[in-house]
Amino acid sequence: MRRRDFIKVVAGSAVAWPLGAYAQQARRVPRIGVLWHAGNAEEEDPYFASLIEGFRNLGYGEDRIVLEHRFPGEKPELFASMAAELASSKPDALIAVGGAAPYAKKATATIPIVFM
């Protein structure tokens, strides 16, 4: 192989390599923490099912979004600890339902919060 041909191959590879690396990056799945006020999903129905259905209708099925649910069962000490737990897991956003809103607001000043 001639020197000039070798330089063309190496230079072409160096230019194409970053493009190939960019194309192979994995898609990041958003995480949303949900702080409910009841003790479980059944007690939150129909709101629990509506939230899941709403995300699906927007194209965010189970493979495109992660929802982390916490159910404090109307216990103030659990609201505070569960809100702090969700905030420390660094979700992309928090959803606070009903009486959970002030606890979510107190737990973080940097994560966007949707009050419901």
N, C-alpha and C. Protein backbone atom coordinates (compact mmCIF):
# COMPACT_ATOMS: atom_id res chain seq x y z
N MET A 1 0.85 -1.17 0.00
CA MET A 1 0.00 0.00 0.00
C MET A 1 0.91 1.23 0.00
N ARG A 2 0.54 2.15 -0.83
CA ARG A 2 1.32 3.38 -0.88
C ARG A 2 0.98 4.30 0.28
N ARG A 3 1.92 5.13 0.59
CA ARG A 3 1.79 6.02 1.73
C ARG A 3 0.55 6.92 1.60
N ARG A 4 0.32 7.46 0.43
CA ARG A 4 -0.82 8.36 0.20
C ARG A 4 -2.15 7.62 0.41
N ASP A 5 -2.25 6.38 -0.05
CA ASP A 5 -3.47 5.58 0.14
C ASP A 5 -3.69 5.29 1.61
N PHE A 6 -2.61 4.99 2.32
CA PHE A 6 -2.70 4.70 3.75
C PHE A 6 -3.24 5.93 4.50
N ILE A 7 -2.73 7.11 4.19
CA ILE A 7 -3.18 8.34 4.85
C ILE A 7 -4.65 8.60 4.56
N LYS A 8 -5.12 8.32 3.34
CA LYS A 8 -6.54 8.51 3.00
C LYS A 8 -7.43 7.58 3.84
N VAL A 9 -7.00 6.34 4.00
CA VAL A 9 -7.79 5.38 4.77
C VAL A 9 -7.86 5.81 6.23
N VAL A 10 -6.73 6.18 6.82
CA VAL A 10 -6.69 6.59 8.22
C VAL A 10 -7.50 7.87 8.42
N ALA A 11 -7.37 8.84 7.55
CA ALA A 11 -8.10 10.10 7.68
C ALA A 11 -9.60 9.87 7.51
N GLY A 12 -9.98 9.02 6.58
CA GLY A 12 -11.40 8.71 6.38
C GLY A 12 -12.00 8.02 7.58
N SER A 13 -11.24 7.12 8.18
CA SER A 13 -11.72 6.43 9.38
C SER A 13 -11.86 7.39 10.55
N ALA A 14 -10.92 8.31 10.68
CA ALA A 14 -10.96 9.26 11.79
C ALA A 14 -12.16 10.19 11.67
N VAL A 15 -12.55 10.54 10.44
CA VAL A 15 -13.70 11.41 10.23
C VAL A 15 -14.99 10.65 10.48
N ALA A 16 -15.09 9.41 10.05
CA ALA A 16 -16.32 8.63 10.18
C ALA A 16 -16.52 8.07 11.58
N TRP A 17 -15.47 7.89 12.35
CA TRP A 17 -15.58 7.26 13.66
C TRP A 17 -16.51 8.00 14.63
N PRO A 18 -16.42 9.33 14.78
CA PRO A 18 -17.34 10.01 15.70
C PRO A 18 -18.80 9.89 15.27
N LEU A 19 -19.07 9.86 13.97
CA LEU A 19 -20.45 9.72 13.50
C LEU A 19 -21.01 8.35 13.87
N GLY A 20 -20.21 7.32 13.75
CA GLY A 20 -20.64 5.98 14.12
C GLY A 20 -20.89 5.87 15.61
N ALA A 21 -20.06 6.49 16.40
CA ALA A 21 -20.23 6.44 17.86
C ALA A 21 -21.50 7.18 18.27
N TYR A 22 -21.81 8.28 17.61
CA TYR A 22 -23.01 9.04 17.93
C TYR A 22 -24.26 8.24 17.60
N ALA A 23 -24.25 7.54 16.48
CA ALA A 23 -25.43 6.80 16.04
C ALA A 23 -25.72 5.61 16.94
N GLN A 24 -24.76 5.12 17.68
CA GLN A 24 -24.96 3.93 18.49
C GLN A 24 -25.34 4.23 19.94
N GLN A 25 -25.54 5.49 20.29
CA GLN A 25 -25.90 5.81 21.66
C GLN A 25 -27.31 5.31 21.97
N ALA A 26 -27.48 4.79 23.15
CA ALA A 26 -28.78 4.25 23.56
C ALA A 26 -29.74 5.39 23.91
N ARG A 27 -31.01 5.14 23.67
CA ARG A 27 -32.05 6.10 23.99
C ARG A 27 -32.30 6.09 25.50
N ARG A 28 -32.33 7.25 26.10
CA ARG A 28 -32.55 7.38 27.54
C ARG A 28 -34.04 7.37 27.83
N VAL A 29 -34.47 6.55 28.76
CA VAL A 29 -35.88 6.44 29.13
C VAL A 29 -36.15 7.40 30.29
N PRO A 30 -37.11 8.33 30.12
CA PRO A 30 -37.40 9.27 31.20
C PRO A 30 -38.00 8.57 32.42
N ARG A 31 -37.68 9.09 33.61
CA ARG A 31 -38.21 8.56 34.86
C ARG A 31 -39.04 9.64 35.55
N ILE A 32 -40.23 9.26 35.98
CA ILE A 32 -41.11 10.18 36.68
C ILE A 32 -41.52 9.57 38.00
N GLY A 33 -41.34 10.31 39.08
CA GLY A 33 -41.77 9.86 40.40
C GLY A 33 -43.17 10.36 40.68
N VAL A 34 -44.03 9.48 41.16
CA VAL A 34 -45.42 9.84 41.46
C VAL A 34 -45.68 9.60 42.94
N LEU A 35 -46.04 10.67 43.65
CA LEU A 35 -46.36 10.58 45.07
C LEU A 35 -47.87 10.71 45.21
N TRP A 36 -48.52 9.60 45.51
CA TRP A 36 -49.97 9.55 45.67
C TRP A 36 -50.32 9.91 47.11
N HIS A 37 -51.60 9.90 47.46
CA HIS A 37 -51.97 10.15 48.85
C HIS A 37 -52.58 8.92 49.52
N ALA A 38 -53.09 7.98 48.76
CA ALA A 38 -53.71 6.77 49.31
C ALA A 38 -52.66 5.71 49.63
N GLY A 39 -53.11 4.56 50.08
CA GLY A 39 -52.20 3.50 50.51
C GLY A 39 -51.77 2.53 49.42
N ASN A 40 -52.51 2.47 48.30
CA ASN A 40 -52.14 1.57 47.21
C ASN A 40 -52.83 1.99 45.91
N ALA A 41 -52.52 1.31 44.82
CA ALA A 41 -53.07 1.67 43.52
C ALA A 41 -54.59 1.49 43.46
N GLU A 42 -55.10 0.46 44.12
CA GLU A 42 -56.54 0.22 44.10
C GLU A 42 -57.31 1.37 44.76
N GLU A 43 -56.77 1.91 45.83
CA GLU A 43 -57.42 3.03 46.51
C GLU A 43 -57.36 4.31 45.67
N GLU A 44 -56.43 4.39 44.76
CA GLU A 44 -56.28 5.58 43.91
C GLU A 44 -57.11 5.49 42.63
N ASP A 45 -57.74 4.35 42.37
CA ASP A 45 -58.55 4.21 41.16
C ASP A 45 -59.74 5.15 41.22
N PRO A 46 -60.11 5.82 40.17
CA PRO A 46 -59.73 5.71 38.77
C PRO A 46 -58.56 6.61 38.37
N TYR A 47 -58.02 7.39 39.31
CA TYR A 47 -56.95 8.33 38.98
C TYR A 47 -55.66 7.61 38.56
N PHE A 48 -55.36 6.52 39.25
CA PHE A 48 -54.16 5.74 38.92
C PHE A 48 -54.25 5.23 37.48
N ALA A 49 -55.36 4.59 37.14
CA ALA A 49 -55.54 4.06 35.79
C ALA A 49 -55.56 5.17 34.75
N SER A 50 -56.14 6.31 35.09
CA SER A 50 -56.20 7.44 34.16
C SER A 50 -54.81 8.00 33.85
N LEU A 51 -53.95 8.06 34.86
CA LEU A 51 -52.59 8.54 34.64
C LEU A 51 -51.83 7.62 33.69
N ILE A 52 -51.91 6.31 33.93
CA ILE A 52 -51.24 5.33 33.08
C ILE A 52 -51.79 5.41 31.66
N GLU A 53 -53.11 5.47 31.53
CA GLU A 53 -53.74 5.54 30.21
C GLU A 53 -53.36 6.84 29.49
N GLY A 54 -53.30 7.94 30.22
CA GLY A 54 -52.93 9.22 29.62
C GLY A 54 -51.52 9.18 29.03
N PHE A 55 -50.57 8.59 29.76
CA PHE A 55 -49.22 8.46 29.22
C PHE A 55 -49.20 7.56 27.99
N ARG A 56 -49.96 6.45 28.02
CA ARG A 56 -50.02 5.56 26.85
C ARG A 56 -50.60 6.29 25.65
N ASN A 57 -51.64 7.08 25.85
CA ASN A 57 -52.26 7.83 24.74
C ASN A 57 -51.29 8.84 24.13
N LEU A 58 -50.35 9.31 24.92
CA LEU A 58 -49.35 10.24 24.41
C LEU A 58 -48.16 9.52 23.78
N GLY A 59 -48.20 8.19 23.77
CA GLY A 59 -47.12 7.41 23.16
C GLY A 59 -46.05 6.96 24.14
N TYR A 60 -46.32 7.12 25.44
CA TYR A 60 -45.36 6.71 26.46
C TYR A 60 -45.84 5.44 27.15
N GLY A 61 -45.64 4.32 26.48
CA GLY A 61 -45.97 3.03 27.08
C GLY A 61 -44.90 2.62 28.07
N GLU A 62 -45.00 1.41 28.58
CA GLU A 62 -44.07 0.93 29.60
C GLU A 62 -42.63 0.88 29.12
N ASP A 63 -42.41 0.79 27.81
CA ASP A 63 -41.05 0.71 27.28
C ASP A 63 -40.46 2.09 27.01
N ARG A 64 -41.26 3.16 27.11
CA ARG A 64 -40.77 4.50 26.79
C ARG A 64 -40.72 5.44 27.98
N ILE A 65 -41.20 4.99 29.15
CA ILE A 65 -41.18 5.83 30.34
C ILE A 65 -41.20 4.92 31.58
N VAL A 66 -40.57 5.39 32.64
CA VAL A 66 -40.58 4.65 33.90
C VAL A 66 -41.30 5.50 34.93
N LEU A 67 -42.35 4.95 35.52
CA LEU A 67 -43.09 5.63 36.58
C LEU A 67 -42.78 4.94 37.90
N GLU A 68 -42.27 5.71 38.86
CA GLU A 68 -41.98 5.18 40.19
C GLU A 68 -43.06 5.70 41.14
N HIS A 69 -43.91 4.81 41.63
CA HIS A 69 -45.04 5.19 42.48
C HIS A 69 -44.71 5.00 43.95
N ARG A 70 -45.22 5.93 44.78
CA ARG A 70 -45.13 5.81 46.21
C ARG A 70 -46.52 6.08 46.78
N PHE A 71 -46.94 5.24 47.73
CA PHE A 71 -48.26 5.34 48.33
C PHE A 71 -48.13 5.47 49.85
N PRO A 72 -48.18 6.70 50.39
CA PRO A 72 -47.98 6.91 51.82
C PRO A 72 -49.18 6.59 52.70
N GLY A 73 -50.36 6.35 52.14
CA GLY A 73 -51.51 5.99 52.95
C GLY A 73 -51.98 7.08 53.90
N GLU A 74 -51.92 8.33 53.47
CA GLU A 74 -52.40 9.47 54.26
C GLU A 74 -51.66 9.67 55.58
N LYS A 75 -50.44 9.14 55.71
CA LYS A 75 -49.65 9.30 56.93
C LYS A 75 -48.60 10.39 56.72
N PRO A 76 -48.70 11.51 57.46
CA PRO A 76 -47.79 12.63 57.23
C PRO A 76 -46.31 12.26 57.29
N GLU A 77 -45.93 11.40 58.21
CA GLU A 77 -44.50 11.04 58.30
C GLU A 77 -44.05 10.26 57.06
N LEU A 78 -44.96 9.51 56.46
CA LEU A 78 -44.61 8.79 55.23
C LEU A 78 -44.57 9.71 54.02
N PHE A 79 -45.43 10.73 54.00
CA PHE A 79 -45.39 11.70 52.90
C PHE A 79 -44.00 12.31 52.80
N ALA A 80 -43.48 12.79 53.92
CA ALA A 80 -42.19 13.46 53.92
C ALA A 80 -41.06 12.52 53.51
N SER A 81 -41.03 11.33 54.07
CA SER A 81 -39.94 10.40 53.75
C SER A 81 -40.03 9.88 52.31
N MET A 82 -41.24 9.62 51.82
CA MET A 82 -41.38 9.13 50.45
C MET A 82 -41.09 10.22 49.43
N ALA A 83 -41.45 11.46 49.73
CA ALA A 83 -41.12 12.57 48.84
C ALA A 83 -39.60 12.75 48.76
N ALA A 84 -38.94 12.66 49.91
CA ALA A 84 -37.48 12.77 49.93
C ALA A 84 -36.83 11.61 49.18
N GLU A 85 -37.38 10.42 49.34
CA GLU A 85 -36.85 9.24 48.64
C GLU A 85 -36.97 9.41 47.13
N LEU A 86 -38.14 9.87 46.67
CA LEU A 86 -38.31 10.09 45.23
C LEU A 86 -37.36 11.17 44.72
N ALA A 87 -37.23 12.26 45.45
CA ALA A 87 -36.35 13.35 45.02
C ALA A 87 -34.89 12.91 44.98
N SER A 88 -34.48 12.08 45.92
CA SER A 88 -33.08 11.63 45.95
C SER A 88 -32.76 10.65 44.82
N SER A 89 -33.78 10.04 44.23
CA SER A 89 -33.54 9.13 43.10
C SER A 89 -33.36 9.89 41.78
N LYS A 90 -33.44 11.20 41.82
CA LYS A 90 -33.20 12.11 40.69
C LYS A 90 -34.07 11.78 39.46
N PRO A 91 -35.40 11.79 39.63
CA PRO A 91 -36.26 11.57 38.46
C PRO A 91 -36.25 12.81 37.57
N ASP A 92 -36.78 12.69 36.38
CA ASP A 92 -36.85 13.84 35.47
C ASP A 92 -37.96 14.81 35.89
N ALA A 93 -38.98 14.29 36.57
CA ALA A 93 -40.08 15.11 37.07
C ALA A 93 -40.77 14.37 38.20
N LEU A 94 -41.51 15.13 39.00
CA LEU A 94 -42.33 14.54 40.06
C LEU A 94 -43.79 14.90 39.81
N ILE A 95 -44.68 13.96 40.11
CA ILE A 95 -46.11 14.23 40.09
C ILE A 95 -46.58 14.05 41.53
N ALA A 96 -47.24 15.08 42.07
CA ALA A 96 -47.75 15.03 43.44
C ALA A 96 -49.27 15.11 43.40
N VAL A 97 -49.93 14.13 44.01
CA VAL A 97 -51.39 14.03 43.96
C VAL A 97 -51.98 14.49 45.28
N GLY A 98 -52.93 15.42 45.21
CA GLY A 98 -53.67 15.86 46.38
C GLY A 98 -52.80 16.42 47.48
N GLY A 99 -52.91 15.85 48.66
CA GLY A 99 -52.18 16.32 49.84
C GLY A 99 -50.69 16.10 49.78
N ALA A 100 -50.21 15.43 48.74
CA ALA A 100 -48.77 15.18 48.60
C ALA A 100 -48.00 16.39 48.08
N ALA A 101 -48.70 17.35 47.53
CA ALA A 101 -48.06 18.49 46.87
C ALA A 101 -47.08 19.26 47.77
N PRO A 102 -47.46 19.66 48.98
CA PRO A 102 -46.51 20.42 49.80
C PRO A 102 -45.25 19.63 50.17
N TYR A 103 -45.40 18.33 50.33
CA TYR A 103 -44.25 17.49 50.69
C TYR A 103 -43.28 17.37 49.51
N ALA A 104 -43.82 17.25 48.31
CA ALA A 104 -42.96 17.19 47.12
C ALA A 104 -42.23 18.51 46.94
N LYS A 105 -42.93 19.61 47.15
CA LYS A 105 -42.31 20.93 47.00
C LYS A 105 -41.20 21.13 48.02
N LYS A 106 -41.39 20.61 49.21
CA LYS A 106 -40.39 20.75 50.27
C LYS A 106 -39.17 19.85 50.00
N ALA A 107 -39.38 18.74 49.29
CA ALA A 107 -38.31 17.76 49.05
C ALA A 107 -37.29 18.21 48.01
N THR A 108 -37.69 19.09 47.09
CA THR A 108 -36.77 19.50 46.04
C THR A 108 -37.09 20.90 45.52
N ALA A 109 -36.03 21.57 45.09
CA ALA A 109 -36.20 22.87 44.45
C ALA A 109 -35.69 22.83 43.01
N THR A 110 -35.18 21.69 42.59
CA THR A 110 -34.58 21.58 41.26
C THR A 110 -35.34 20.68 40.29
N ILE A 111 -36.13 19.74 40.81
CA ILE A 111 -36.86 18.81 39.95
C ILE A 111 -38.24 19.41 39.65
N PRO A 112 -38.63 19.44 38.38
CA PRO A 112 -39.98 19.96 38.06
C PRO A 112 -41.07 19.12 38.73
N ILE A 113 -42.09 19.80 39.27
CA ILE A 113 -43.18 19.12 39.96
C ILE A 113 -44.49 19.49 39.29
N VAL A 114 -45.30 18.46 39.03
CA VAL A 114 -46.65 18.65 38.51
C VAL A 114 -47.60 18.31 39.64
N PHE A 115 -48.46 19.27 39.99
CA PHE A 115 -49.43 19.03 41.07
C PHE A 115 -50.74 18.60 40.45
N MET A 116 -51.34 17.59 41.04
CA MET A 116 -52.59 17.06 40.50
C MET A 116 -53.64 17.04 41.58
